[in-house]
N, C-alpha and C. Protein backbone atom coordinates (compact mmCIF):
# COMPACT_ATOMS: atom_id res chain seq x y z
N HIS A 1 108.34 114.21 100.30
CA HIS A 1 108.25 115.41 99.49
C HIS A 1 109.59 116.12 99.33
N ALA A 2 110.68 115.44 99.65
CA ALA A 2 112.00 116.03 99.47
C ALA A 2 112.24 116.30 97.99
N GLU A 3 113.10 117.26 97.72
CA GLU A 3 113.41 117.58 96.32
C GLU A 3 113.89 116.33 95.60
N GLY A 4 113.32 116.06 94.45
CA GLY A 4 113.71 114.91 93.65
C GLY A 4 113.00 113.61 94.00
N ALA A 5 112.25 113.57 95.10
CA ALA A 5 111.58 112.32 95.49
C ALA A 5 110.59 111.86 94.42
N GLY A 6 110.02 112.79 93.69
CA GLY A 6 109.07 112.43 92.62
C GLY A 6 109.70 111.59 91.52
N ILE A 7 111.02 111.73 91.35
CA ILE A 7 111.71 110.92 90.34
C ILE A 7 111.47 109.44 90.61
N TRP A 8 111.63 109.02 91.87
CA TRP A 8 111.48 107.60 92.21
C TRP A 8 110.03 107.23 92.49
N ASP A 9 109.19 108.19 92.83
CA ASP A 9 107.78 107.90 93.12
C ASP A 9 106.95 107.86 91.85
N VAL A 10 107.05 108.89 91.03
CA VAL A 10 106.22 109.02 89.83
C VAL A 10 106.97 108.62 88.56
N GLY A 11 108.29 108.76 88.57
CA GLY A 11 109.11 108.45 87.40
C GLY A 11 108.86 107.07 86.79
N PRO A 12 108.74 106.01 87.61
CA PRO A 12 108.47 104.69 87.01
C PRO A 12 107.17 104.65 86.22
N HIS A 13 106.16 105.38 86.67
CA HIS A 13 104.88 105.40 85.96
C HIS A 13 105.03 106.11 84.62
N VAL A 14 105.82 107.19 84.61
CA VAL A 14 106.08 107.90 83.36
C VAL A 14 106.80 106.98 82.37
N LEU A 15 107.82 106.29 82.84
CA LEU A 15 108.57 105.40 81.96
C LEU A 15 107.74 104.21 81.51
N SER A 16 106.76 103.80 82.30
CA SER A 16 105.91 102.68 81.87
C SER A 16 105.07 103.05 80.66
N ILE A 17 104.92 104.33 80.38
CA ILE A 17 104.24 104.80 79.17
C ILE A 17 105.27 105.05 78.06
N LEU A 18 106.38 105.71 78.41
CA LEU A 18 107.35 106.11 77.39
C LEU A 18 108.07 104.93 76.75
N VAL A 19 108.49 103.95 77.54
CA VAL A 19 109.28 102.83 76.98
C VAL A 19 108.47 102.03 75.97
N PRO A 20 107.24 101.62 76.26
CA PRO A 20 106.48 100.90 75.21
C PRO A 20 106.23 101.75 73.96
N MET A 21 106.11 103.07 74.13
CA MET A 21 105.84 103.95 72.98
C MET A 21 107.10 104.26 72.18
N LEU A 22 108.22 104.51 72.87
CA LEU A 22 109.43 105.01 72.21
C LEU A 22 110.58 104.02 72.16
N GLY A 23 110.48 102.93 72.89
CA GLY A 23 111.55 101.94 72.92
C GLY A 23 112.41 102.09 74.15
N PRO A 24 113.38 101.18 74.29
CA PRO A 24 114.25 101.19 75.46
C PRO A 24 115.00 102.51 75.63
N VAL A 25 115.22 102.88 76.88
CA VAL A 25 115.97 104.09 77.21
C VAL A 25 117.45 103.81 77.02
N VAL A 26 118.13 104.65 76.24
CA VAL A 26 119.57 104.52 76.07
C VAL A 26 120.33 105.58 76.86
N GLU A 27 119.62 106.64 77.24
CA GLU A 27 120.23 107.69 78.05
C GLU A 27 119.13 108.41 78.81
N ALA A 28 119.42 108.75 80.05
CA ALA A 28 118.49 109.55 80.86
C ALA A 28 119.31 110.56 81.65
N ARG A 29 118.75 111.73 81.82
CA ARG A 29 119.49 112.76 82.57
C ARG A 29 118.52 113.68 83.28
N ALA A 30 118.98 114.21 84.40
CA ALA A 30 118.19 115.19 85.15
C ALA A 30 118.17 116.50 84.36
N LEU A 31 117.05 117.17 84.41
CA LEU A 31 116.92 118.52 83.87
C LEU A 31 116.70 119.45 85.05
N PRO A 32 117.02 120.73 84.91
CA PRO A 32 116.85 121.64 86.05
C PRO A 32 115.40 121.65 86.54
N PRO A 33 115.21 121.60 87.88
CA PRO A 33 113.85 121.66 88.41
C PRO A 33 113.25 123.04 88.14
N ASP A 34 111.93 123.13 88.12
CA ASP A 34 111.29 124.42 87.86
C ASP A 34 110.60 124.98 89.10
N GLY A 35 111.05 124.61 90.27
CA GLY A 35 110.48 125.12 91.51
C GLY A 35 109.58 124.10 92.18
N ILE A 36 108.53 123.68 91.51
CA ILE A 36 107.59 122.72 92.09
C ILE A 36 107.79 121.31 91.52
N SER A 37 108.46 121.21 90.38
CA SER A 37 108.56 119.94 89.67
C SER A 37 110.00 119.46 89.55
N SER A 38 110.14 118.13 89.49
CA SER A 38 111.39 117.50 89.09
C SER A 38 111.26 117.23 87.59
N ARG A 39 112.38 117.28 86.88
CA ARG A 39 112.32 117.08 85.43
C ARG A 39 113.46 116.16 85.01
N PHE A 40 113.19 115.36 83.98
CA PHE A 40 114.25 114.55 83.40
C PHE A 40 113.98 114.35 81.92
N GLY A 41 115.05 114.02 81.20
CA GLY A 41 114.95 113.76 79.78
C GLY A 41 115.47 112.37 79.47
N THR A 42 114.93 111.78 78.41
CA THR A 42 115.36 110.45 77.99
C THR A 42 115.59 110.44 76.49
N ALA A 43 116.53 109.59 76.09
CA ALA A 43 116.75 109.28 74.67
C ALA A 43 116.48 107.79 74.54
N HIS A 44 115.81 107.41 73.45
CA HIS A 44 115.36 106.03 73.27
C HIS A 44 116.03 105.37 72.08
N ALA A 45 116.11 104.04 72.12
CA ALA A 45 116.80 103.25 71.09
C ALA A 45 116.28 103.55 69.69
N GLY A 46 115.01 103.83 69.54
CA GLY A 46 114.44 104.10 68.24
C GLY A 46 114.68 105.52 67.74
N GLY A 47 115.41 106.33 68.52
CA GLY A 47 115.70 107.70 68.12
C GLY A 47 114.81 108.74 68.78
N GLY A 48 113.77 108.30 69.45
CA GLY A 48 112.87 109.23 70.13
C GLY A 48 113.51 109.87 71.34
N ARG A 49 112.99 111.02 71.70
CA ARG A 49 113.44 111.74 72.89
C ARG A 49 112.21 112.17 73.67
N ALA A 50 112.37 112.25 74.99
CA ALA A 50 111.24 112.66 75.83
C ALA A 50 111.74 113.57 76.94
N ARG A 51 110.83 114.43 77.39
CA ARG A 51 111.07 115.26 78.57
C ARG A 51 109.90 115.01 79.50
N ALA A 52 110.21 114.78 80.77
CA ALA A 52 109.17 114.52 81.77
C ALA A 52 109.24 115.57 82.85
N ARG A 53 108.08 115.99 83.29
CA ARG A 53 107.94 116.96 84.38
C ARG A 53 106.99 116.34 85.38
N ILE A 54 107.45 116.12 86.61
CA ILE A 54 106.63 115.44 87.61
C ILE A 54 106.72 116.17 88.94
N THR A 55 105.65 116.04 89.72
CA THR A 55 105.64 116.67 91.04
C THR A 55 104.83 115.83 92.02
N LEU A 56 105.17 115.96 93.27
CA LEU A 56 104.39 115.37 94.35
C LEU A 56 103.60 116.45 95.08
N ARG A 57 103.67 117.66 94.58
CA ARG A 57 103.08 118.81 95.29
C ARG A 57 101.84 119.38 94.61
N ALA A 58 101.24 118.67 93.71
CA ALA A 58 100.03 119.16 93.04
C ALA A 58 98.85 119.10 94.01
N GLY A 59 98.00 120.10 93.94
CA GLY A 59 96.78 120.09 94.74
C GLY A 59 95.79 119.09 94.15
N PRO A 60 94.77 118.69 94.94
CA PRO A 60 93.81 117.69 94.45
C PRO A 60 93.17 118.05 93.11
N GLY A 61 92.91 119.31 92.86
CA GLY A 61 92.29 119.72 91.60
C GLY A 61 93.28 119.82 90.45
N ASP A 62 94.58 119.71 90.74
CA ASP A 62 95.61 119.88 89.72
C ASP A 62 96.23 118.57 89.27
N ILE A 63 95.83 117.45 89.85
CA ILE A 63 96.43 116.17 89.52
C ILE A 63 95.96 115.73 88.14
N ARG A 64 96.93 115.37 87.28
CA ARG A 64 96.59 114.88 85.95
C ARG A 64 97.78 114.13 85.37
N ASN A 65 97.50 113.34 84.39
CA ASN A 65 98.52 112.64 83.60
C ASN A 65 98.38 113.18 82.18
N ALA A 66 99.40 113.83 81.69
CA ALA A 66 99.33 114.38 80.34
C ALA A 66 100.54 113.91 79.56
N TYR A 67 100.29 113.27 78.45
CA TYR A 67 101.35 112.80 77.55
C TYR A 67 101.07 113.34 76.17
N ARG A 68 102.06 114.04 75.59
CA ARG A 68 101.96 114.52 74.22
C ARG A 68 103.12 113.94 73.43
N PHE A 69 102.81 113.38 72.29
CA PHE A 69 103.83 112.81 71.42
C PHE A 69 103.82 113.61 70.12
N SER A 70 105.02 114.00 69.66
CA SER A 70 105.09 114.75 68.41
C SER A 70 106.17 114.14 67.52
N GLY A 71 105.98 114.29 66.23
CA GLY A 71 106.91 113.76 65.25
C GLY A 71 106.66 114.41 63.91
N PRO A 72 107.24 113.85 62.87
CA PRO A 72 107.13 114.45 61.53
C PRO A 72 105.68 114.57 61.04
N LEU A 73 104.79 113.72 61.54
CA LEU A 73 103.39 113.75 61.08
C LEU A 73 102.48 114.59 61.97
N GLY A 74 103.05 115.22 62.99
CA GLY A 74 102.23 116.06 63.86
C GLY A 74 102.33 115.66 65.31
N GLU A 75 101.34 116.06 66.07
CA GLU A 75 101.33 115.83 67.51
C GLU A 75 100.03 115.16 67.91
N VAL A 76 100.12 114.28 68.89
CA VAL A 76 98.94 113.62 69.43
C VAL A 76 99.06 113.62 70.96
N ALA A 77 97.95 113.85 71.62
CA ALA A 77 97.91 113.81 73.08
C ALA A 77 97.21 112.52 73.51
N ALA A 78 97.83 111.81 74.42
CA ALA A 78 97.21 110.60 74.95
C ALA A 78 96.07 111.01 75.87
N PRO A 79 94.95 110.29 75.82
CA PRO A 79 93.84 110.65 76.72
C PRO A 79 94.18 110.36 78.17
N GLU A 80 93.56 111.09 79.06
CA GLU A 80 93.71 110.85 80.50
C GLU A 80 93.21 109.44 80.79
N PRO A 81 94.04 108.60 81.42
CA PRO A 81 93.60 107.22 81.66
C PRO A 81 92.44 107.17 82.66
N ALA A 82 91.46 106.36 82.33
CA ALA A 82 90.32 106.13 83.22
C ALA A 82 90.32 104.65 83.58
N VAL A 83 91.30 104.27 84.40
CA VAL A 83 91.52 102.86 84.70
C VAL A 83 91.31 102.63 86.19
N ASP A 84 90.60 101.57 86.50
CA ASP A 84 90.50 101.12 87.88
C ASP A 84 91.77 100.32 88.13
N ARG A 85 92.74 100.92 88.77
CA ARG A 85 94.06 100.30 88.92
C ARG A 85 94.00 98.99 89.70
N LEU A 86 93.19 98.93 90.73
CA LEU A 86 93.06 97.70 91.50
C LEU A 86 92.54 96.58 90.61
N ASP A 87 91.54 96.87 89.78
CA ASP A 87 91.00 95.87 88.86
C ASP A 87 92.06 95.44 87.84
N ALA A 88 92.84 96.39 87.33
CA ALA A 88 93.88 96.07 86.35
C ALA A 88 94.94 95.16 86.97
N PHE A 89 95.38 95.45 88.19
CA PHE A 89 96.36 94.60 88.86
C PHE A 89 95.79 93.21 89.12
N ALA A 90 94.53 93.14 89.54
CA ALA A 90 93.90 91.85 89.81
C ALA A 90 93.82 91.02 88.52
N ARG A 91 93.43 91.65 87.42
CA ARG A 91 93.35 90.92 86.15
C ARG A 91 94.72 90.43 85.69
N ALA A 92 95.75 91.27 85.88
CA ALA A 92 97.10 90.87 85.49
C ALA A 92 97.57 89.69 86.33
N LEU A 93 97.27 89.70 87.61
CA LEU A 93 97.66 88.58 88.48
C LEU A 93 96.94 87.30 88.08
N VAL A 94 95.64 87.39 87.82
CA VAL A 94 94.88 86.20 87.40
C VAL A 94 95.40 85.68 86.07
N ASP A 95 95.69 86.56 85.12
CA ASP A 95 96.23 86.14 83.83
C ASP A 95 97.56 85.41 84.02
N ARG A 96 98.40 85.91 84.90
CA ARG A 96 99.71 85.29 85.14
C ARG A 96 99.54 83.91 85.79
N ILE A 97 98.60 83.78 86.71
CA ILE A 97 98.35 82.49 87.36
C ILE A 97 97.82 81.49 86.34
N ARG A 98 96.92 81.92 85.48
CA ARG A 98 96.34 81.03 84.46
C ARG A 98 97.38 80.58 83.44
N ASP A 99 98.32 81.47 83.09
CA ASP A 99 99.32 81.15 82.07
C ASP A 99 100.68 81.67 82.52
N PRO A 100 101.40 80.89 83.34
CA PRO A 100 102.69 81.36 83.88
C PRO A 100 103.74 81.65 82.82
N ALA A 101 103.61 81.09 81.64
CA ALA A 101 104.60 81.31 80.58
C ALA A 101 104.32 82.58 79.78
N ARG A 102 103.19 83.22 80.06
CA ARG A 102 102.81 84.42 79.30
C ARG A 102 103.84 85.52 79.51
N VAL A 103 104.26 86.14 78.42
CA VAL A 103 105.19 87.26 78.47
C VAL A 103 104.39 88.53 78.27
N HIS A 104 104.63 89.51 79.11
CA HIS A 104 103.92 90.78 79.02
C HIS A 104 104.95 91.89 78.85
N PRO A 105 104.68 92.89 78.01
CA PRO A 105 105.66 93.95 77.78
C PRO A 105 105.93 94.82 79.02
N CYS A 106 105.06 94.77 80.01
CA CYS A 106 105.24 95.58 81.22
C CYS A 106 105.57 94.67 82.40
N ASP A 107 106.56 93.79 82.22
CA ASP A 107 106.92 92.84 83.26
C ASP A 107 108.17 93.30 84.00
N ILE A 108 108.84 92.36 84.65
CA ILE A 108 110.02 92.68 85.44
C ILE A 108 111.15 93.24 84.58
N VAL A 109 111.19 92.89 83.31
CA VAL A 109 112.23 93.44 82.42
C VAL A 109 112.04 94.95 82.30
N LEU A 110 110.81 95.41 82.12
CA LEU A 110 110.54 96.84 82.08
C LEU A 110 110.89 97.47 83.42
N GLY A 111 110.58 96.78 84.51
CA GLY A 111 110.92 97.30 85.84
C GLY A 111 112.41 97.51 86.00
N ALA A 112 113.21 96.54 85.58
CA ALA A 112 114.67 96.65 85.69
C ALA A 112 115.18 97.78 84.79
N GLU A 113 114.63 97.90 83.59
CA GLU A 113 115.03 98.97 82.69
C GLU A 113 114.69 100.34 83.28
N THR A 114 113.54 100.42 83.92
CA THR A 114 113.12 101.66 84.56
C THR A 114 114.09 102.08 85.65
N VAL A 115 114.49 101.14 86.48
CA VAL A 115 115.45 101.44 87.56
C VAL A 115 116.78 101.90 86.96
N ARG A 116 117.27 101.22 85.93
CA ARG A 116 118.53 101.63 85.30
C ARG A 116 118.44 103.06 84.77
N ALA A 117 117.33 103.40 84.14
CA ALA A 117 117.16 104.75 83.59
C ALA A 117 117.09 105.79 84.71
N LEU A 118 116.30 105.52 85.75
CA LEU A 118 116.14 106.50 86.82
C LEU A 118 117.42 106.68 87.63
N GLU A 119 118.25 105.64 87.70
CA GLU A 119 119.54 105.78 88.40
C GLU A 119 120.45 106.77 87.67
N GLN A 120 120.26 106.95 86.35
CA GLN A 120 121.02 107.95 85.61
C GLN A 120 120.55 109.36 85.97
N VAL A 121 119.27 109.47 86.31
CA VAL A 121 118.69 110.77 86.67
C VAL A 121 119.03 111.12 88.11
N MET A 122 118.81 110.16 89.01
CA MET A 122 119.09 110.37 90.44
C MET A 122 119.54 109.04 91.02
N PRO A 123 120.82 108.89 91.28
CA PRO A 123 121.30 107.60 91.82
C PRO A 123 120.53 107.17 93.06
N TRP A 124 120.30 105.88 93.15
CA TRP A 124 119.46 105.33 94.21
C TRP A 124 119.85 105.75 95.61
N PRO A 125 121.13 105.72 96.03
CA PRO A 125 121.43 106.14 97.41
C PRO A 125 120.98 107.57 97.69
N ALA A 126 121.12 108.48 96.73
CA ALA A 126 120.67 109.85 96.94
C ALA A 126 119.16 109.89 97.08
N ALA A 127 118.47 109.09 96.29
CA ALA A 127 117.01 109.06 96.38
C ALA A 127 116.58 108.51 97.73
N ARG A 128 117.24 107.46 98.22
CA ARG A 128 116.89 106.86 99.50
C ARG A 128 117.14 107.86 100.62
N ASP A 129 118.26 108.60 100.54
CA ASP A 129 118.59 109.57 101.58
C ASP A 129 117.67 110.77 101.54
N ALA A 130 117.05 111.06 100.37
CA ALA A 130 116.15 112.21 100.23
C ALA A 130 114.87 111.99 101.03
N GLY A 131 114.57 110.74 101.36
CA GLY A 131 113.47 110.46 102.25
C GLY A 131 112.16 110.29 101.64
């Protein structure tokens, strides 16, 4: 729960939504924290921009995933995901075993891109030392 720890804990999950929607991250930067939350901004190859606000300090009744996308045609909010994560991971593993050549948009390439982006927000050694 050290300051900024949410960047490395929750940040990858945020980017797993933003990158497929907005394209590869070309720039990421820390934004001033607001007391309870860590914040960062991203610029994407397609011209999109995002701001993320994340925390590890939400109470059980306050936990949520909220994504709003806006553009020239208006704004849309992504629905709260209702996914059995264990089932999703199991299905992904079985799919990979059945077809090892299958390429998935949320594979190790996205993982590497996520790490590169988050290192711009909070370099890894600082995150590791934050505990």
